[in-house]
Amino acid sequence: MFKSFIQQKLENYVKKYFQKHPEIKLIAVGGSVGKTSTKHAIATVLSQRYKVRMHEANHNTELSAPLGILGIDYPEKVHSVSAWLAVFSAARQRIKNPDDAQIIVQELGSDRPGDMAMFAKYLMPDIGVITGVTPEHMETFGSIEAVALEELSLANFAKSALINRDDIAGRFANDITNPNIATYGTTASAEYHFEAQDITVKDGYSGNIFIAEYDEPLPATLKVLGEHSLRPIMAAVAVGTKLGLTADEVRKGVQDIKPVPGRMNILRGQNDSMVIDDTYNSSPAAAEAALRTLYTLQAPQRIVIFGSMNELGAVSAQEHEFLGSLCDPNLLSWVVTVGEEAEKYLAPAARAKGCQVKSYRSSIQAGGFVHSVLEEGSIVLAKGSQTGIYCEEAVKVLLHDSDDTEQLVRQSLEWQEKKTTFFSGLTQ
C-alpha cells in the first residue's frame, strides 16, 4: 500500500511537470541491451546545443524512473515516511522551478510483462528509442515474442520512435502501431547508419555517417570498439538530427562519445596486455558481439572470460551452449568461465570445439588464472552478468595500474561490502 501510494504520487508529479513545461523534451530509451550506452551517447550529442538532464545510474524502475526524470535522488531510507515527504517537496519545487534542463534522457527498464504499460500511464516521450530485442528476464517473459511485445510497446506510446535495425528482428514489426518511426544501425538499410572504412584499437572507427536528412555522408571518427558499440552512437545521431542539431554539432558530439565503464572499455593490462572490460552485464547478443570483436583484433594471445548469463530462464542452457560453440580454438588461447551456468553449458560446448577451458566459481580465481598464463601483448575480453558473477573483479587482478580500478563498475563501498560477503560464501 505504501509503495503504491508513493508510485501514484510520483507519477502525478511527473505529469504535472510536463503539463506546466511542455517545452521540455523527453527522450526515453528502452530495449533488451545497450540502454545505458545509448542514453549516454544521446546525452553527449545533444549537449552540443542543449542543457540535458540524465541520471548517471540505471534510474529506470517503477519508483526510480520518475525521480530520474525530475532530477531527484532516490532516498537512502526507502521505508522512511519523512524521506519520501522530502522527495515530494523536492518534486513540487521542481515543477515550480524546472531549472534549465531543456531535454531529459531517461532509461525505461522492463523486468516483466506490463512494466512498459505502467510507464505509458504517465509518460508520452517525444522520441522513444528501442535498442534491441534479445532474450532477457526469460523467467518472467517466457518467450522472445513476449520480450518484443513489451519492449516495442515504447514505440507505440511515444510521439515518434527510433528502432535499432540490427538488433530487432523484422518479424516483430507488426508489434509497432506508431507510423512515426525511423531506423538506425550499421546496416545500409537504416535511415541513420555508419559505414566503417578503417578501425584501430587506439583511435576506433573512421568512416561515414549517413543521415536521412542529408544528401552527403558525414565523415567522422568514432572512439569505440566493436560494431555493436556503433549502434548507440547512430541512435544519438538520429535523435540529434531530429532535434535540430547541425552537421558540425553532430560530428563534434559523436567524436566526444567514450565507452561507458564496463561496456567495451579498453584498459591497460599487465605484461603489456590489453583488457576489454565489458563486465557491466551480459546477454547472449552482447556476449556474441563482444566475442566477434575480439576475433577481429590482432594479438599473439586472445583470452576470453565468460561469466554466466543470468536471467535467461528456460533458454539458459541453449544460449550458453550456443555461445560456447562460437569459441574458436584457432582464435582463442583460453576460454575461462565463471559461475555455474557457464561451467555447466558453455564450457563443454567450447571444449567440444577444441578450446582450452578452465572453469571457476569465483571471478577472482578466474582473474588469477588468466594472470598466470598471460603473455606479452595479449588481449583479454571479460564479460558476465552483474548479479553473482562480478567479472570486474577478474579485470582488477589484470590491471597494469591500480588507479584504473576507478574505471571499473561496482566499486562503491556498498558494492564492495556486498561482493566481500558473496565471495566469502563461495569459499565456505
Protein backbone atom coordinates (compact mmCIF):
# COMPACT_ATOMS: atom_id res chain seq x y z
CA MET A 1 0.00 0.00 0.00
CA PHE A 2 2.82 2.42 0.96
CA LYS A 3 4.74 1.69 -2.27
CA SER A 4 1.67 2.10 -4.47
CA PHE A 5 0.86 5.43 -2.79
CA ILE A 6 4.40 6.69 -3.47
CA GLN A 7 4.23 5.47 -7.05
CA GLN A 8 0.98 7.29 -7.70
CA LYS A 9 2.31 10.50 -6.19
CA LEU A 10 5.48 10.37 -8.29
CA GLU A 11 3.55 9.68 -11.49
CA ASN A 12 1.27 12.65 -10.81
CA TYR A 13 4.25 14.92 -10.17
CA VAL A 14 5.83 13.91 -13.50
CA LYS A 15 2.57 14.53 -15.37
CA LYS A 16 2.24 17.97 -13.77
CA TYR A 17 5.88 18.72 -14.60
CA PHE A 18 5.41 18.17 -18.32
CA GLN A 19 1.99 19.82 -18.36
CA LYS A 20 3.47 23.00 -16.90
CA HIS A 21 6.65 22.84 -19.02
CA PRO A 22 5.70 21.45 -22.45
CA GLU A 23 8.83 22.96 -23.95
CA ILE A 24 10.97 20.34 -22.18
CA LYS A 25 11.54 17.30 -24.39
CA LEU A 26 11.67 13.72 -23.11
CA ILE A 27 13.78 11.08 -24.85
CA ALA A 28 13.01 7.59 -23.49
CA VAL A 29 15.39 4.68 -24.09
CA GLY A 30 14.15 1.10 -23.82
CA GLY A 31 15.22 -2.30 -25.10
CA SER A 32 16.89 -5.52 -24.06
CA VAL A 33 20.52 -4.43 -24.45
CA GLY A 34 22.58 -1.26 -24.73
CA LYS A 35 20.23 1.15 -22.97
CA THR A 36 22.86 2.84 -20.82
CA SER A 37 25.39 3.25 -23.63
CA THR A 38 22.64 4.65 -25.85
CA LYS A 39 21.45 7.01 -23.13
CA HIS A 40 24.97 8.36 -22.62
CA ALA A 41 25.58 8.72 -26.36
CA ILE A 42 22.34 10.65 -26.87
CA ALA A 43 23.07 12.96 -23.94
CA THR A 44 26.62 13.62 -25.19
CA VAL A 45 25.46 14.60 -28.68
CA LEU A 46 22.52 16.70 -27.50
CA SER A 47 24.78 18.53 -25.05
CA GLN A 48 26.42 20.24 -28.01
CA ARG A 49 23.41 22.57 -28.08
CA TYR A 50 21.01 21.79 -25.22
CA LYS A 51 21.04 21.58 -21.45
CA VAL A 52 20.45 17.86 -20.86
CA ARG A 53 19.37 16.07 -17.70
CA MET A 54 20.42 12.44 -17.49
CA HIS A 55 20.80 10.35 -14.38
CA GLU A 56 24.15 8.55 -14.43
CA ALA A 57 22.93 5.37 -12.75
CA ASN A 58 20.28 2.94 -14.00
CA HIS A 59 17.47 5.02 -12.57
CA ASN A 60 14.92 3.12 -14.65
CA THR A 61 12.48 1.20 -12.45
CA GLU A 62 8.90 1.96 -11.41
CA LEU A 63 9.89 4.19 -8.48
CA SER A 64 13.26 5.46 -9.62
CA ALA A 65 12.37 6.45 -13.21
CA PRO A 66 10.09 9.34 -12.14
CA LEU A 67 12.84 10.57 -9.84
CA GLY A 68 15.38 10.36 -12.66
CA ILE A 69 13.10 12.41 -14.89
CA LEU A 70 12.64 15.04 -12.18
CA GLY A 71 16.33 15.02 -11.25
CA ILE A 72 15.77 13.93 -7.65
CA ASP A 73 17.98 11.42 -5.86
CA TYR A 74 16.45 8.16 -4.71
CA PRO A 75 16.18 8.28 -0.90
CA GLU A 76 18.59 6.10 1.05
CA LYS A 77 15.95 5.27 3.68
CA VAL A 78 13.29 3.81 1.40
CA HIS A 79 10.97 2.90 4.29
CA SER A 80 11.14 6.31 5.91
CA VAL A 81 7.98 8.44 5.64
CA SER A 82 9.97 11.61 6.27
CA ALA A 83 12.42 10.73 3.48
CA TRP A 84 9.59 10.40 0.96
CA LEU A 85 7.95 13.59 2.22
CA ALA A 86 11.23 15.33 1.42
CA VAL A 87 11.15 13.77 -2.07
CA PHE A 88 7.60 15.04 -2.60
CA SER A 89 8.64 18.51 -1.51
CA ALA A 90 11.56 18.45 -3.96
CA ALA A 91 9.20 17.31 -6.74
CA ARG A 92 6.82 20.20 -6.11
CA GLN A 93 9.75 22.59 -6.17
CA ARG A 94 10.95 21.11 -9.47
CA ILE A 95 7.52 21.73 -11.01
CA LYS A 96 7.67 25.38 -9.91
CA ASN A 97 11.31 25.79 -10.91
CA PRO A 98 12.35 23.31 -13.61
CA ASP A 99 15.98 24.55 -13.59
CA ASP A 100 17.48 24.99 -17.05
CA ALA A 101 17.05 21.46 -18.39
CA GLN A 102 15.78 21.56 -21.97
CA ILE A 103 15.90 17.82 -22.70
CA ILE A 104 15.64 14.80 -20.41
CA VAL A 105 17.12 11.47 -21.47
CA GLN A 106 15.67 8.61 -19.45
CA GLU A 107 16.05 4.83 -19.50
CA LEU A 108 12.93 2.75 -19.06
CA GLY A 109 13.64 -0.74 -17.74
CA SER A 110 11.32 -3.70 -18.11
CA ASP A 111 11.70 -6.84 -16.00
CA ARG A 112 8.29 -8.38 -16.66
CA PRO A 113 5.29 -8.04 -18.96
CA GLY A 114 3.34 -4.87 -18.19
CA ASP A 115 6.21 -2.68 -16.99
CA MET A 116 6.08 -0.52 -20.13
CA ALA A 117 2.32 -0.16 -19.81
CA MET A 118 2.92 1.31 -16.36
CA PHE A 119 5.23 3.96 -17.84
CA ALA A 120 2.68 4.65 -20.59
CA LYS A 121 0.14 5.74 -17.96
CA TYR A 122 2.02 8.95 -17.27
CA LEU A 123 4.66 9.43 -19.98
CA MET A 124 4.47 10.46 -23.63
CA PRO A 125 8.10 10.68 -24.79
CA ASP A 126 8.86 12.96 -27.69
CA ILE A 127 11.13 10.22 -29.02
CA GLY A 128 11.22 6.61 -27.91
CA VAL A 129 14.43 4.73 -28.73
CA ILE A 130 14.32 0.91 -28.75
CA THR A 131 17.84 -0.53 -28.64
CA GLY A 132 17.18 -4.23 -29.23
CA VAL A 133 15.01 -7.28 -28.68
CA THR A 134 17.04 -10.18 -27.31
CA PRO A 135 16.48 -12.76 -24.55
CA GLU A 136 16.15 -11.04 -21.15
CA HIS A 137 14.40 -11.86 -17.89
CA MET A 138 13.13 -15.01 -19.54
CA GLU A 139 11.98 -16.36 -16.20
CA THR A 140 9.20 -13.75 -16.34
CA PHE A 141 8.75 -13.22 -20.09
CA GLY A 142 8.90 -16.86 -21.15
CA SER A 143 9.42 -16.20 -24.88
CA ILE A 144 11.24 -13.79 -27.16
CA GLU A 145 7.87 -12.82 -28.64
CA ALA A 146 6.76 -11.60 -25.22
CA VAL A 147 10.01 -9.62 -24.88
CA ALA A 148 9.39 -7.99 -28.27
CA LEU A 149 5.80 -7.08 -27.45
CA GLU A 150 6.94 -5.46 -24.21
CA GLU A 151 9.97 -3.53 -25.44
CA LEU A 152 8.40 -2.34 -28.70
CA SER A 153 5.37 -1.00 -26.88
CA LEU A 154 7.54 2.04 -26.06
CA ALA A 155 7.35 2.96 -29.75
CA ASN A 156 3.58 2.97 -29.55
CA PHE A 157 3.15 5.42 -26.67
CA ALA A 158 5.92 7.78 -27.80
CA LYS A 159 5.17 10.60 -30.25
CA SER A 160 7.84 9.18 -32.57
CA ALA A 161 10.25 6.26 -32.36
CA LEU A 162 13.71 5.14 -33.44
CA ILE A 163 14.28 1.41 -33.86
CA ASN A 164 17.64 -0.39 -33.94
CA ARG A 165 17.54 -2.08 -37.35
CA ASP A 166 20.34 -4.51 -36.49
CA ASP A 167 19.16 -5.97 -33.19
CA ILE A 168 15.40 -6.23 -33.71
CA ALA A 169 14.13 -8.99 -35.98
CA GLY A 170 11.86 -7.87 -38.79
CA ARG A 171 9.18 -10.35 -37.79
CA PHE A 172 8.35 -8.15 -34.80
CA ALA A 173 7.36 -5.19 -36.99
CA ASN A 174 3.68 -5.99 -36.51
CA ASP A 175 4.06 -5.12 -32.82
CA ILE A 176 4.59 -1.47 -33.83
CA THR A 177 1.47 0.59 -34.48
CA ASN A 178 3.06 4.08 -34.46
CA PRO A 179 3.60 5.27 -38.07
CA ASN A 180 6.20 7.84 -36.98
CA ILE A 181 9.24 5.57 -36.86
CA ALA A 182 12.74 5.58 -38.32
CA THR A 183 15.61 3.12 -38.03
CA TYR A 184 19.27 3.34 -37.11
CA GLY A 185 22.23 0.97 -37.02
CA THR A 186 25.19 -0.24 -39.03
CA THR A 187 23.27 -1.72 -41.93
CA ALA A 188 22.79 0.37 -45.04
CA SER A 189 19.03 -0.18 -44.94
CA ALA A 190 18.75 2.02 -41.83
CA GLU A 191 17.96 5.70 -42.37
CA TYR A 192 20.76 6.60 -39.94
CA HIS A 193 23.79 4.35 -40.25
CA PHE A 194 27.58 4.20 -40.20
CA GLU A 195 29.88 2.68 -42.79
CA ALA A 196 33.35 1.95 -41.43
CA GLN A 197 36.41 2.42 -43.60
CA ASP A 198 39.11 1.63 -41.04
CA ILE A 199 39.50 0.60 -37.40
CA THR A 200 42.36 0.72 -34.91
CA VAL A 201 42.33 -0.17 -31.24
CA LYS A 202 43.80 3.23 -30.41
CA ASP A 203 41.55 5.50 -32.49
CA GLY A 204 38.41 3.44 -33.05
CA TYR A 205 36.42 3.57 -36.30
CA SER A 206 36.84 6.04 -39.13
CA GLY A 207 34.18 6.20 -41.80
CA ASN A 208 30.99 7.93 -42.87
CA ILE A 209 27.71 8.64 -41.10
CA PHE A 210 24.68 8.53 -43.38
CA ILE A 211 21.80 10.73 -42.27
CA ALA A 212 18.37 10.65 -43.89
CA GLU A 213 18.10 14.45 -43.96
CA TYR A 214 21.48 14.97 -45.66
CA ASP A 215 22.43 14.39 -49.29
CA GLU A 216 26.08 13.73 -48.44
CA PRO A 217 27.58 11.47 -45.75
CA LEU A 218 29.27 12.96 -42.72
CA PRO A 219 32.91 11.85 -42.22
CA ALA A 220 33.63 11.01 -38.57
CA THR A 221 35.91 9.12 -36.22
CA LEU A 222 34.10 7.13 -33.51
CA LYS A 223 36.23 6.22 -30.50
CA VAL A 224 34.61 2.91 -29.59
CA LEU A 225 35.40 -0.77 -30.09
CA GLY A 226 33.01 -3.31 -31.61
CA GLU A 227 30.35 -2.92 -34.28
CA HIS A 228 27.63 -3.17 -31.64
CA SER A 229 29.18 -0.12 -29.94
CA LEU A 230 28.48 1.92 -33.07
CA ARG A 231 24.72 1.48 -32.81
CA PRO A 232 24.19 3.64 -29.70
CA ILE A 233 26.10 6.39 -31.49
CA MET A 234 23.82 6.10 -34.52
CA ALA A 235 20.82 6.41 -32.20
CA ALA A 236 22.37 9.62 -30.87
CA VAL A 237 22.93 10.88 -34.43
CA ALA A 238 19.27 10.25 -35.26
CA VAL A 239 17.96 11.92 -32.10
CA GLY A 240 20.26 14.90 -32.51
CA THR A 241 19.29 15.40 -36.14
CA LYS A 242 15.58 15.17 -35.35
CA LEU A 243 16.03 17.81 -32.65
CA GLY A 244 17.69 20.25 -35.00
CA LEU A 245 21.44 19.86 -34.45
CA THR A 246 23.67 20.96 -37.31
CA ALA A 247 26.09 18.63 -39.07
CA ASP A 248 29.01 20.23 -37.21
CA GLU A 249 27.26 19.76 -33.86
CA VAL A 250 26.52 16.11 -34.66
CA ARG A 251 30.11 15.48 -35.75
CA LYS A 252 31.57 17.08 -32.66
CA GLY A 253 29.11 15.26 -30.42
CA VAL A 254 29.87 11.78 -31.74
CA GLN A 255 33.58 12.38 -31.51
CA ASP A 256 33.14 13.23 -27.82
CA ILE A 257 31.50 9.89 -27.05
CA LYS A 258 33.60 7.49 -25.00
CA PRO A 259 32.84 3.97 -23.76
CA VAL A 260 30.83 3.79 -20.54
CA PRO A 261 32.64 1.93 -17.71
CA GLY A 262 32.13 -1.80 -18.01
CA ARG A 263 30.98 -1.58 -21.63
CA MET A 264 33.74 -2.44 -24.12
CA ASN A 265 36.12 -0.15 -22.27
CA ILE A 266 39.80 -0.67 -23.14
CA LEU A 267 42.18 -0.80 -20.18
CA ARG A 268 45.91 -1.41 -19.99
CA GLY A 269 46.74 -4.80 -18.52
CA GLN A 270 49.85 -6.33 -17.07
CA ASN A 271 52.65 -7.63 -19.30
CA ASP A 272 51.79 -5.04 -21.95
CA SER A 273 48.40 -6.65 -22.47
CA MET A 274 45.04 -5.04 -23.27
CA VAL A 275 41.86 -5.78 -21.34
CA ILE A 276 38.45 -5.22 -22.90
CA ASP A 277 36.26 -4.54 -19.88
CA ASP A 278 32.69 -5.47 -20.81
CA THR A 279 31.70 -6.56 -17.32
CA TYR A 280 28.68 -4.39 -16.55
CA ASN A 281 26.22 -7.09 -17.57
CA SER A 282 25.77 -9.82 -20.16
CA SER A 283 23.20 -11.20 -22.55
CA PRO A 284 23.51 -13.61 -25.50
CA ALA A 285 23.53 -10.88 -28.14
CA ALA A 286 26.02 -8.66 -26.29
CA ALA A 287 28.33 -11.57 -25.46
CA GLU A 288 28.37 -12.78 -29.06
CA ALA A 289 29.08 -9.27 -30.35
CA ALA A 290 31.93 -8.80 -27.88
CA LEU A 291 33.47 -12.16 -28.83
CA ARG A 292 33.30 -11.38 -32.54
CA THR A 293 35.00 -8.06 -31.86
CA LEU A 294 37.81 -9.86 -30.03
CA TYR A 295 38.32 -12.06 -33.07
CA THR A 296 38.99 -9.02 -35.27
CA LEU A 297 41.88 -7.81 -33.12
CA GLN A 298 45.44 -8.95 -33.79
CA ALA A 299 47.34 -10.32 -30.80
CA PRO A 300 49.72 -13.21 -30.02
CA GLN A 301 47.24 -14.49 -27.43
CA ARG A 302 43.50 -13.96 -27.03
CA ILE A 303 41.70 -14.96 -23.84
CA VAL A 304 38.00 -14.65 -23.04
CA ILE A 305 36.49 -14.68 -19.56
CA PHE A 306 32.80 -15.56 -19.80
CA GLY A 307 30.64 -15.28 -16.70
CA SER A 308 27.24 -16.93 -16.53
CA MET A 309 24.45 -15.01 -18.23
CA ASN A 310 21.72 -14.70 -15.65
CA GLU A 311 18.02 -14.07 -16.18
CA LEU A 312 17.72 -16.43 -19.16
CA GLY A 313 15.29 -18.84 -17.53
CA ALA A 314 14.37 -21.87 -19.63
CA VAL A 315 16.66 -20.86 -22.53
CA SER A 316 19.79 -20.65 -20.36
CA ALA A 317 21.24 -24.00 -21.45
CA GLN A 318 20.58 -23.28 -25.13
CA GLU A 319 22.08 -19.78 -25.06
CA HIS A 320 25.17 -20.76 -23.06
CA GLU A 321 25.80 -23.75 -25.33
CA PHE A 322 25.47 -21.56 -28.41
CA LEU A 323 27.98 -19.04 -27.05
CA GLY A 324 30.36 -21.89 -26.26
CA SER A 325 30.00 -23.17 -29.81
CA LEU A 326 31.22 -19.78 -31.10
CA CYS A 327 34.53 -20.20 -29.25
CA ASP A 328 37.18 -20.91 -31.90
CA PRO A 329 40.40 -22.66 -30.76
CA ASN A 330 42.24 -21.07 -33.69
CA LEU A 331 41.41 -17.61 -32.36
CA LEU A 332 41.37 -18.19 -28.59
CA SER A 333 44.17 -19.44 -26.37
CA TRP A 334 41.87 -19.89 -23.36
CA VAL A 335 38.19 -19.81 -22.54
CA VAL A 336 37.70 -19.13 -18.82
CA THR A 337 34.23 -19.41 -17.30
CA VAL A 338 32.81 -18.04 -14.06
CA GLY A 339 29.64 -19.36 -12.47
CA GLU A 340 27.52 -22.49 -12.56
CA GLU A 341 25.59 -21.96 -15.80
CA ALA A 342 28.69 -21.12 -17.81
CA GLU A 343 30.56 -24.12 -16.38
CA LYS A 344 27.65 -26.48 -16.98
CA TYR A 345 26.73 -25.47 -20.53
CA LEU A 346 29.20 -23.03 -22.11
CA ALA A 347 32.41 -24.79 -21.06
CA PRO A 348 31.53 -28.25 -22.54
CA ALA A 349 30.48 -26.64 -25.84
CA ALA A 350 33.78 -24.74 -26.04
CA ARG A 351 35.74 -27.91 -25.26
CA ALA A 352 33.83 -29.74 -27.98
CA LYS A 353 35.12 -27.11 -30.42
CA GLY A 354 38.67 -27.86 -29.30
CA CYS A 355 39.26 -24.91 -26.95
CA GLN A 356 41.33 -24.97 -23.78
CA VAL A 357 38.84 -24.27 -20.99
CA LYS A 358 39.10 -23.51 -17.28
CA SER A 359 36.08 -23.02 -15.03
CA TYR A 360 35.84 -21.23 -11.68
CA ARG A 361 33.15 -20.35 -9.19
CA SER A 362 34.80 -17.01 -8.42
CA SER A 363 35.80 -14.23 -10.81
CA ILE A 364 38.78 -13.50 -8.55
CA GLN A 365 40.03 -17.05 -9.12
CA ALA A 366 39.42 -16.67 -12.84
CA GLY A 367 41.44 -13.46 -12.91
CA GLY A 368 44.26 -15.15 -11.02
CA PHE A 369 44.42 -17.96 -13.57
CA VAL A 370 44.44 -15.56 -16.53
CA HIS A 371 47.21 -13.58 -14.85
CA SER A 372 49.27 -16.78 -14.57
CA VAL A 373 49.08 -17.57 -18.31
CA LEU A 374 49.13 -14.00 -19.67
CA GLU A 375 51.65 -13.49 -22.45
CA GLU A 376 53.16 -10.22 -23.59
CA GLY A 377 50.83 -8.26 -25.85
CA SER A 378 47.75 -10.39 -25.11
CA ILE A 379 44.16 -9.25 -25.38
CA VAL A 380 41.67 -10.33 -22.71
CA LEU A 381 37.90 -9.91 -23.01
CA ALA A 382 35.88 -10.08 -19.78
CA LYS A 383 32.09 -10.43 -19.98
CA GLY A 384 29.49 -11.55 -17.44
CA SER A 385 26.22 -10.74 -15.72
CA GLN A 386 26.34 -8.43 -12.75
CA THR A 387 24.44 -10.40 -10.09
CA GLY A 388 26.52 -13.17 -8.58
CA ILE A 389 29.26 -13.05 -11.25
CA TYR A 390 31.14 -9.73 -10.89
CA CYS A 391 33.72 -10.25 -13.65
CA GLU A 392 35.07 -6.77 -12.93
CA GLU A 393 36.95 -8.41 -10.06
CA ALA A 394 38.77 -10.61 -12.58
CA VAL A 395 39.70 -7.48 -14.53
CA LYS A 396 41.01 -5.88 -11.35
CA VAL A 397 43.59 -8.67 -10.99
CA LEU A 398 44.86 -7.98 -14.52
CA LEU A 399 45.23 -4.18 -14.47
CA HIS A 400 48.62 -2.65 -15.05
CA ASP A 401 47.78 0.41 -12.98
CA SER A 402 45.74 0.06 -9.79
CA ASP A 403 44.42 3.60 -10.35
CA ASP A 404 42.40 2.22 -13.27
CA THR A 405 40.22 0.44 -10.72
CA GLU A 406 38.24 3.69 -10.69
CA GLN A 407 37.13 2.89 -14.24
CA LEU A 408 35.57 -0.43 -13.22
CA VAL A 409 31.89 -0.89 -12.40
CA ARG A 410 30.52 -1.59 -8.93
CA GLN A 411 33.43 -0.17 -6.93
CA SER A 412 31.46 1.81 -4.34
CA LEU A 413 31.78 0.92 -0.67
CA GLU A 414 28.29 -0.56 -0.72
CA TRP A 415 29.12 -2.81 -3.67
CA GLN A 416 32.46 -3.82 -2.19
CA GLU A 417 30.79 -4.91 1.03
CA LYS A 418 28.20 -6.89 -0.94
CA LYS A 419 30.89 -8.60 -3.02
CA THR A 420 33.04 -9.38 0.00
CA THR A 421 30.11 -11.23 1.55
CA PHE A 422 29.41 -13.01 -1.74
CA PHE A 423 32.98 -14.20 -2.32
CA SER A 424 33.32 -15.27 1.31
CA GLY A 425 30.30 -17.51 0.81
CA LEU A 426 31.95 -19.19 -2.18
CA THR A 427 34.89 -20.33 -0.06
CA GLN A 428 32.77 -21.96 2.65
